PDB file of N, CA and C in Angstrom:
ATOM      1  N   MET A   1       0.630  -8.288 -26.648  1.00  0.00           N
ATOM      2  CA  MET A   1       0.189  -9.134 -25.561  1.00  0.00           C
ATOM      3  C   MET A   1      -1.058  -9.885 -26.017  1.00  0.00           C
ATOM      4  N   SER A   2      -1.083 -11.147 -25.741  1.00  0.00           N
ATOM      5  CA  SER A   2      -2.259 -11.936 -26.056  1.00  0.00           C
ATOM      6  C   SER A   2      -3.402 -11.540 -25.127  1.00  0.00           C
ATOM      7  N   ARG A   3      -4.536 -11.278 -25.697  1.00  0.00           N
ATOM      8  CA  ARG A   3      -5.703 -10.884 -24.905  1.00  0.00           C
ATOM      9  C   ARG A   3      -6.061 -11.959 -23.881  1.00  0.00           C
ATOM     10  N   TRP A   4      -6.010 -13.221 -24.298  1.00  0.00           N
ATOM     11  CA  TRP A   4      -6.380 -14.306 -23.386  1.00  0.00           C
ATOM     12  C   TRP A   4      -5.372 -14.465 -22.249  1.00  0.00           C
ATOM     13  N   LEU A   5      -4.116 -14.211 -22.545  1.00  0.00           N
ATOM     14  CA  LEU A   5      -3.103 -14.247 -21.496  1.00  0.00           C
ATOM     15  C   LEU A   5      -3.377 -13.141 -20.479  1.00  0.00           C
ATOM     16  N   GLY A   6      -3.740 -11.965 -20.966  1.00  0.00           N
ATOM     17  CA  GLY A   6      -4.075 -10.854 -20.085  1.00  0.00           C
ATOM     18  C   GLY A   6      -5.298 -11.139 -19.234  1.00  0.00           C
ATOM     19  N   VAL A   7      -6.309 -11.756 -19.834  1.00  0.00           N
ATOM     20  CA  VAL A   7      -7.515 -12.119 -19.085  1.00  0.00           C
ATOM     21  C   VAL A   7      -7.164 -13.147 -18.007  1.00  0.00           C
ATOM     22  N   GLY A   8      -6.370 -14.146 -18.388  1.00  0.00           N
ATOM     23  CA  GLY A   8      -5.985 -15.178 -17.429  1.00  0.00           C
ATOM     24  C   GLY A   8      -5.193 -14.619 -16.263  1.00  0.00           C
ATOM     25  N   LEU A   9      -4.238 -13.751 -16.555  1.00  0.00           N
ATOM     26  CA  LEU A   9      -3.435 -13.159 -15.488  1.00  0.00           C
ATOM     27  C   LEU A   9      -4.293 -12.265 -14.601  1.00  0.00           C
ATOM     28  N   SER A  10      -5.202 -11.517 -15.204  1.00  0.00           N
ATOM     29  CA  SER A  10      -6.091 -10.655 -14.416  1.00  0.00           C
ATOM     30  C   SER A  10      -6.978 -11.487 -13.491  1.00  0.00           C
ATOM     31  N   LEU A  11      -7.518 -12.578 -14.004  1.00  0.00           N
ATOM     32  CA  LEU A  11      -8.347 -13.445 -13.164  1.00  0.00           C
ATOM     33  C   LEU A  11      -7.526 -14.073 -12.042  1.00  0.00           C
ATOM     34  N   ASN A  12      -6.281 -14.420 -12.355  1.00  0.00           N
ATOM     35  CA  ASN A  12      -5.377 -14.946 -11.334  1.00  0.00           C
ATOM     36  C   ASN A  12      -5.167 -13.934 -10.221  1.00  0.00           C
ATOM     37  N   ARG A  13      -4.920 -12.688 -10.579  1.00  0.00           N
ATOM     38  CA  ARG A  13      -4.699 -11.645  -9.574  1.00  0.00           C
ATOM     39  C   ARG A  13      -5.958 -11.359  -8.774  1.00  0.00           C
ATOM     40  N   ILE A  14      -7.109 -11.430  -9.427  1.00  0.00           N
ATOM     41  CA  ILE A  14      -8.369 -11.242  -8.706  1.00  0.00           C
ATOM     42  C   ILE A  14      -8.541 -12.366  -7.684  1.00  0.00           C
ATOM     43  N   GLY A  15      -8.204 -13.589  -8.073  1.00  0.00           N
ATOM     44  CA  GLY A  15      -8.302 -14.719  -7.150  1.00  0.00           C
ATOM     45  C   GLY A  15      -7.394 -14.555  -5.948  1.00  0.00           C
ATOM     46  N   PHE A  16      -6.137 -14.192  -6.198  1.00  0.00           N
ATOM     47  CA  PHE A  16      -5.213 -13.961  -5.090  1.00  0.00           C
ATOM     48  C   PHE A  16      -5.684 -12.794  -4.232  1.00  0.00           C
ATOM     49  N   GLY A  17      -6.096 -11.719  -4.878  1.00  0.00           N
ATOM     50  CA  GLY A  17      -6.554 -10.542  -4.136  1.00  0.00           C
ATOM     51  C   GLY A  17      -7.761 -10.840  -3.276  1.00  0.00           C
ATOM     52  N   SER A  18      -8.676 -11.678  -3.784  1.00  0.00           N
ATOM     53  CA  SER A  18      -9.857 -12.052  -3.012  1.00  0.00           C
ATOM     54  C   SER A  18      -9.467 -12.854  -1.774  1.00  0.00           C
ATOM     55  N   THR A  19      -8.519 -13.754  -1.942  1.00  0.00           N
ATOM     56  CA  THR A  19      -8.028 -14.528  -0.798  1.00  0.00           C
ATOM     57  C   THR A  19      -7.384 -13.607   0.219  1.00  0.00           C
ATOM     58  N   TYR A  20      -6.560 -12.690  -0.254  1.00  0.00           N
ATOM     59  CA  TYR A  20      -5.884 -11.765   0.655  1.00  0.00           C
ATOM     60  C   TYR A  20      -6.871 -10.817   1.326  1.00  0.00           C
ATOM     61  N   LEU A  21      -7.936 -10.476   0.637  1.00  0.00           N
ATOM     62  CA  LEU A  21      -8.958  -9.604   1.211  1.00  0.00           C
ATOM     63  C   LEU A  21      -9.712 -10.321   2.331  1.00  0.00           C
ATOM     64  N   ALA A  22     -10.073 -11.564   2.076  1.00  0.00           N
ATOM     65  CA  ALA A  22     -10.835 -12.329   3.055  1.00  0.00           C
ATOM     66  C   ALA A  22      -9.974 -12.774   4.244  1.00  0.00           C
ATOM     67  N   HIS A  23      -8.758 -13.214   3.965  1.00  0.00           N
ATOM     68  CA  HIS A  23      -7.871 -13.751   5.002  1.00  0.00           C
ATOM     69  C   HIS A  23      -6.441 -13.304   4.742  1.00  0.00           C
ATOM     70  N   PRO A  24      -6.131 -12.022   4.941  1.00  0.00           N
ATOM     71  CA  PRO A  24      -4.814 -11.520   4.555  1.00  0.00           C
ATOM     72  C   PRO A  24      -3.638 -12.238   5.221  1.00  0.00           C
ATOM     73  N   ALA A  25      -3.736 -12.499   6.507  1.00  0.00           N
ATOM     74  CA  ALA A  25      -2.609 -13.138   7.187  1.00  0.00           C
ATOM     75  C   ALA A  25      -2.433 -14.583   6.724  1.00  0.00           C
ATOM     76  N   ARG A  26      -3.530 -15.306   6.601  1.00  0.00           N
ATOM     77  CA  ARG A  26      -3.448 -16.710   6.202  1.00  0.00           C
ATOM     78  C   ARG A  26      -3.067 -16.844   4.724  1.00  0.00           C
ATOM     79  N   GLY A  27      -3.695 -16.062   3.872  1.00  0.00           N
ATOM     80  CA  GLY A  27      -3.410 -16.158   2.443  1.00  0.00           C
ATOM     81  C   GLY A  27      -2.010 -15.710   2.085  1.00  0.00           C
ATOM     82  N   GLY A  28      -1.518 -14.691   2.772  1.00  0.00           N
ATOM     83  CA  GLY A  28      -0.200 -14.159   2.447  1.00  0.00           C
ATOM     84  C   GLY A  28       0.953 -14.888   3.092  1.00  0.00           C
ATOM     85  N   ARG A  29       0.670 -15.741   4.073  1.00  0.00           N
ATOM     86  CA  ARG A  29       1.742 -16.441   4.778  1.00  0.00           C
ATOM     87  C   ARG A  29       2.591 -17.279   3.827  1.00  0.00           C
ATOM     88  N   ALA A  30       1.959 -17.913   2.850  1.00  0.00           N
ATOM     89  CA  ALA A  30       2.705 -18.722   1.892  1.00  0.00           C
ATOM     90  C   ALA A  30       3.575 -17.852   0.990  1.00  0.00           C
ATOM     91  N   TRP A  31       3.178 -16.604   0.821  1.00  0.00           N
ATOM     92  CA  TRP A  31       3.899 -15.706  -0.074  1.00  0.00           C
ATOM     93  C   TRP A  31       5.043 -14.994   0.632  1.00  0.00           C
ATOM     94  N   ILE A  32       4.759 -14.352   1.778  1.00  0.00           N
ATOM     95  CA  ILE A  32       5.800 -13.556   2.440  1.00  0.00           C
ATOM     96  C   ILE A  32       6.056 -13.947   3.889  1.00  0.00           C
ATOM     97  N   GLY A  33       5.490 -15.076   4.327  1.00  0.00           N
ATOM     98  CA  GLY A  33       5.769 -15.560   5.676  1.00  0.00           C
ATOM     99  C   GLY A  33       4.977 -14.825   6.750  1.00  0.00           C
ATOM    100  N   ARG A  34       5.559 -14.788   7.964  1.00  0.00           N
ATOM    101  CA  ARG A  34       4.851 -14.199   9.108  1.00  0.00           C
ATOM    102  C   ARG A  34       4.545 -12.715   8.916  1.00  0.00           C
ATOM    103  N   ALA A  35       5.293 -12.044   8.069  1.00  0.00           N
ATOM    104  CA  ALA A  35       5.059 -10.615   7.830  1.00  0.00           C
ATOM    105  C   ALA A  35       3.690 -10.354   7.204  1.00  0.00           C
ATOM    106  N   ALA A  36       3.018 -11.392   6.732  1.00  0.00           N
ATOM    107  CA  ALA A  36       1.703 -11.226   6.103  1.00  0.00           C
ATOM    108  C   ALA A  36       0.673 -10.666   7.074  1.00  0.00           C
ATOM    109  N   GLY A  37       0.878 -10.859   8.371  1.00  0.00           N
ATOM    110  CA  GLY A  37      -0.064 -10.344   9.352  1.00  0.00           C
ATOM    111  C   GLY A  37       0.081  -8.859   9.621  1.00  0.00           C
ATOM    112  N   ASP A  38       1.154  -8.254   9.169  1.00  0.00           N
ATOM    113  CA  ASP A  38       1.393  -6.824   9.360  1.00  0.00           C
ATOM    114  C   ASP A  38       0.407  -6.028   8.499  1.00  0.00           C
ATOM    115  N   PRO A  39      -0.343  -5.088   9.098  1.00  0.00           N
ATOM    116  CA  PRO A  39      -1.329  -4.312   8.329  1.00  0.00           C
ATOM    117  C   PRO A  39      -0.744  -3.597   7.108  1.00  0.00           C
ATOM    118  N   ALA A  40       0.491  -3.156   7.195  1.00  0.00           N
ATOM    119  CA  ALA A  40       1.101  -2.481   6.040  1.00  0.00           C
ATOM    120  C   ALA A  40       1.245  -3.436   4.863  1.00  0.00           C
ATOM    121  N   ASN A  41       1.530  -4.680   5.125  1.00  0.00           N
ATOM    122  CA  ASN A  41       1.690  -5.658   4.051  1.00  0.00           C
ATOM    123  C   ASN A  41       0.352  -6.108   3.475  1.00  0.00           C
ATOM    124  N   THR A  42      -0.717  -6.055   4.265  1.00  0.00           N
ATOM    125  CA  THR A  42      -2.011  -6.465   3.730  1.00  0.00           C
ATOM    126  C   THR A  42      -2.483  -5.511   2.636  1.00  0.00           C
ATOM    127  N   VAL A  43      -2.095  -4.252   2.723  1.00  0.00           N
ATOM    128  CA  VAL A  43      -2.461  -3.289   1.682  1.00  0.00           C
ATOM    129  C   VAL A  43      -1.832  -3.707   0.352  1.00  0.00           C
ATOM    130  N   ILE A  44      -0.581  -4.109   0.389  1.00  0.00           N
ATOM    131  CA  ILE A  44       0.111  -4.534  -0.833  1.00  0.00           C
ATOM    132  C   ILE A  44      -0.546  -5.791  -1.397  1.00  0.00           C
ATOM    133  N   MET A  45      -0.863  -6.732  -0.530  1.00  0.00           N
ATOM    134  CA  MET A  45      -1.464  -7.983  -0.997  1.00  0.00           C
ATOM    135  C   MET A  45      -2.838  -7.742  -1.595  1.00  0.00           C
ATOM    136  N   ARG A  46      -3.630  -6.879  -0.987  1.00  0.00           N
ATOM    137  CA  ARG A  46      -4.960  -6.580  -1.522  1.00  0.00           C
ATOM    138  C   ARG A  46      -4.882  -5.825  -2.843  1.00  0.00           C
ATOM    139  N   GLY A  47      -3.794  -5.113  -3.041  1.00  0.00           N
ATOM    140  CA  GLY A  47      -3.595  -4.390  -4.294  1.00  0.00           C
ATOM    141  C   GLY A  47      -3.555  -5.312  -5.497  1.00  0.00           C
ATOM    142  N   HIS A  48      -3.162  -6.568  -5.302  1.00  0.00           N
ATOM    143  CA  HIS A  48      -3.153  -7.522  -6.410  1.00  0.00           C
ATOM    144  C   HIS A  48      -4.556  -7.695  -6.985  1.00  0.00           C
ATOM    145  N   GLY A  49      -5.532  -7.768  -6.109  1.00  0.00           N
ATOM    146  CA  GLY A  49      -6.914  -7.889  -6.579  1.00  0.00           C
ATOM    147  C   GLY A  49      -7.359  -6.663  -7.347  1.00  0.00           C
ATOM    148  N   ALA A  50      -6.964  -5.498  -6.854  1.00  0.00           N
ATOM    149  CA  ALA A  50      -7.333  -4.248  -7.531  1.00  0.00           C
ATOM    150  C   ALA A  50      -6.694  -4.166  -8.912  1.00  0.00           C
ATOM    151  N   LEU A  51      -5.432  -4.579  -9.021  1.00  0.00           N
ATOM    152  CA  LEU A  51      -4.762  -4.558 -10.326  1.00  0.00           C
ATOM    153  C   LEU A  51      -5.415  -5.552 -11.286  1.00  0.00           C
ATOM    154  N   GLY A  52      -5.818  -6.690 -10.755  1.00  0.00           N
ATOM    155  CA  GLY A  52      -6.502  -7.669 -11.602  1.00  0.00           C
ATOM    156  C   GLY A  52      -7.826  -7.140 -12.114  1.00  0.00           C
ATOM    157  N   CYS A  53      -8.590  -6.509 -11.237  1.00  0.00           N
ATOM    158  CA  CYS A  53      -9.879  -5.921 -11.653  1.00  0.00           C
ATOM    159  C   CYS A  53      -9.665  -4.820 -12.678  1.00  0.00           C
ATOM    160  N   GLY A  54      -8.658  -3.994 -12.449  1.00  0.00           N
ATOM    161  CA  GLY A  54      -8.369  -2.907 -13.381  1.00  0.00           C
ATOM    162  C   GLY A  54      -7.933  -3.422 -14.736  1.00  0.00           C
ATOM    163  N   GLY A  55      -7.099  -4.453 -14.736  1.00  0.00           N
ATOM    164  CA  GLY A  55      -6.645  -5.037 -16.005  1.00  0.00           C
ATOM    165  C   GLY A  55      -7.785  -5.667 -16.775  1.00  0.00           C
ATOM    166  N   LEU A  56      -8.633  -6.410 -16.081  1.00  0.00           N
ATOM    167  CA  LEU A  56      -9.775  -7.052 -16.732  1.00  0.00           C
ATOM    168  C   LEU A  56     -10.758  -6.014 -17.263  1.00  0.00           C
ATOM    169  N   SER A  57     -10.973  -4.966 -16.493  1.00  0.00           N
ATOM    170  CA  SER A  57     -11.870  -3.894 -16.919  1.00  0.00           C
ATOM    171  C   SER A  57     -11.333  -3.199 -18.167  1.00  0.00           C
ATOM    172  N   ALA A  58     -10.032  -2.928 -18.171  1.00  0.00           N
ATOM    173  CA  ALA A  58      -9.422  -2.274 -19.336  1.00  0.00           C
ATOM    174  C   ALA A  58      -9.524  -3.164 -20.572  1.00  0.00           C
ATOM    175  N   LEU A  59      -9.314  -4.463 -20.413  1.00  0.00           N
ATOM    176  CA  LEU A  59      -9.443  -5.377 -21.550  1.00  0.00           C
ATOM    177  C   LEU A  59     -10.875  -5.405 -22.075  1.00  0.00           C
ATOM    178  N   ALA A  60     -11.840  -5.397 -21.154  1.00  0.00           N
ATOM    179  CA  ALA A  60     -13.246  -5.417 -21.566  1.00  0.00           C
ATOM    180  C   ALA A  60     -13.626  -4.161 -22.340  1.00  0.00           C
ATOM    181  N   ARG A  61     -13.010  -3.023 -21.993  1.00  0.00           N
ATOM    182  CA  ARG A  61     -13.285  -1.761 -22.685  1.00  0.00           C
ATOM    183  C   ARG A  61     -12.498  -1.626 -23.980  1.00  0.00           C
ATOM    184  N   GLY A  62     -11.544  -2.533 -24.207  1.00  0.00           N
ATOM    185  CA  GLY A  62     -10.693  -2.435 -25.389  1.00  0.00           C
ATOM    186  C   GLY A  62      -9.544  -1.458 -25.212  1.00  0.00           C
ATOM    187  N   ASP A  63      -9.241  -1.091 -23.980  1.00  0.00           N
ATOM    188  CA  ASP A  63      -8.166  -0.157 -23.658  1.00  0.00           C
ATOM    189  C   ASP A  63      -6.862  -0.935 -23.489  1.00  0.00           C
ATOM    190  N   GLU A  64      -6.204  -1.225 -24.596  1.00  0.00           N
ATOM    191  CA  GLU A  64      -4.999  -2.050 -24.553  1.00  0.00           C
ATOM    192  C   GLU A  64      -3.875  -1.386 -23.762  1.00  0.00           C
ATOM    193  N   ARG A  65      -3.737  -0.087 -23.911  1.00  0.00           N
ATOM    194  CA  ARG A  65      -2.683   0.630 -23.184  1.00  0.00           C
ATOM    195  C   ARG A  65      -2.907   0.553 -21.663  1.00  0.00           C
ATOM    196  N   GLY A  66      -4.148   0.771 -21.232  1.00  0.00           N
ATOM    197  CA  GLY A  66      -4.476   0.678 -19.815  1.00  0.00           C
ATOM    198  C   GLY A  66      -4.298  -0.735 -19.290  1.00  0.00           C
ATOM    199  N   ALA A  67      -4.669  -1.718 -20.111  1.00  0.00           N
ATOM    200  CA  ALA A  67      -4.514  -3.114 -19.703  1.00  0.00           C
ATOM    201  C   ALA A  67      -3.040  -3.455 -19.529  1.00  0.00           C
ATOM    202  N   ARG A  68      -2.210  -3.008 -20.455  1.00  0.00           N
ATOM    203  CA  ARG A  68      -0.766  -3.280 -20.340  1.00  0.00           C
ATOM    204  C   ARG A  68      -0.183  -2.670 -19.078  1.00  0.00           C
ATOM    205  N   ALA A  69      -0.607  -1.464 -18.760  1.00  0.00           N
ATOM    206  CA  ALA A  69      -0.091  -0.797 -17.565  1.00  0.00           C
ATOM    207  C   ALA A  69      -0.481  -1.552 -16.305  1.00  0.00           C
ATOM    208  N   ARG A  70      -1.733  -1.941 -16.202  1.00  0.00           N
ATOM    209  CA  ARG A  70      -2.200  -2.627 -14.993  1.00  0.00           C
ATOM    210  C   ARG A  70      -1.658  -4.031 -14.880  1.00  0.00           C
ATOM    211  N   ILE A  71      -1.639  -4.766 -15.992  1.00  0.00           N
ATOM    212  CA  ILE A  71      -1.136  -6.125 -15.968  1.00  0.00           C
ATOM    213  C   ILE A  71       0.368  -6.121 -15.750  1.00  0.00           C
ATOM    214  N   GLY A  72       1.053  -5.159 -16.342  1.00  0.00           N
ATOM    215  CA  GLY A  72       2.492  -5.022 -16.104  1.00  0.00           C
ATOM    216  C   GLY A  72       2.799  -4.744 -14.645  1.00  0.00           C
ATOM    217  N   ALA A  73       1.988  -3.908 -14.024  1.00  0.00           N
ATOM    218  CA  ALA A  73       2.176  -3.600 -12.597  1.00  0.00           C
ATOM    219  C   ALA A  73       1.897  -4.828 -11.747  1.00  0.00           C
ATOM    220  N   ALA A  74       0.935  -5.623 -12.147  1.00  0.00           N
ATOM    221  CA  ALA A  74       0.608  -6.837 -11.385  1.00  0.00           C
ATOM    222  C   ALA A  74       1.726  -7.858 -11.484  1.00  0.00           C
ATOM    223  N   MET A  75       2.471  -7.849 -12.577  1.00  0.00           N
ATOM    224  CA  MET A  75       3.566  -8.800 -12.755  1.00  0.00           C
ATOM    225  C   MET A  75       4.833  -8.369 -12.033  1.00  0.00           C
ATOM    226  N   ALA A  76       4.911  -7.095 -11.696  1.00  0.00           N
ATOM    227  CA  ALA A  76       6.145  -6.593 -11.068  1.00  0.00           C
ATOM    228  C   ALA A  76       6.260  -7.009  -9.631  1.00  0.00           C
TER     229      ALA A  76
END
């Protein structure tokens, strides 16, 4: 995996996660429609930010295996 690709994807997920954290119903509406307002779905949307932070943190530590796991989960 290219390190820069991993950094870019992690930053992308952090951006989406931040939007979902601040405005889960509004930010998620484009992604999953009206269901974005359901509290159960906001947990999933906010998880994108957590996966992005985890992936970026793992890359910064040089933990390639951890980065692959987190970035792979963010892509799923």
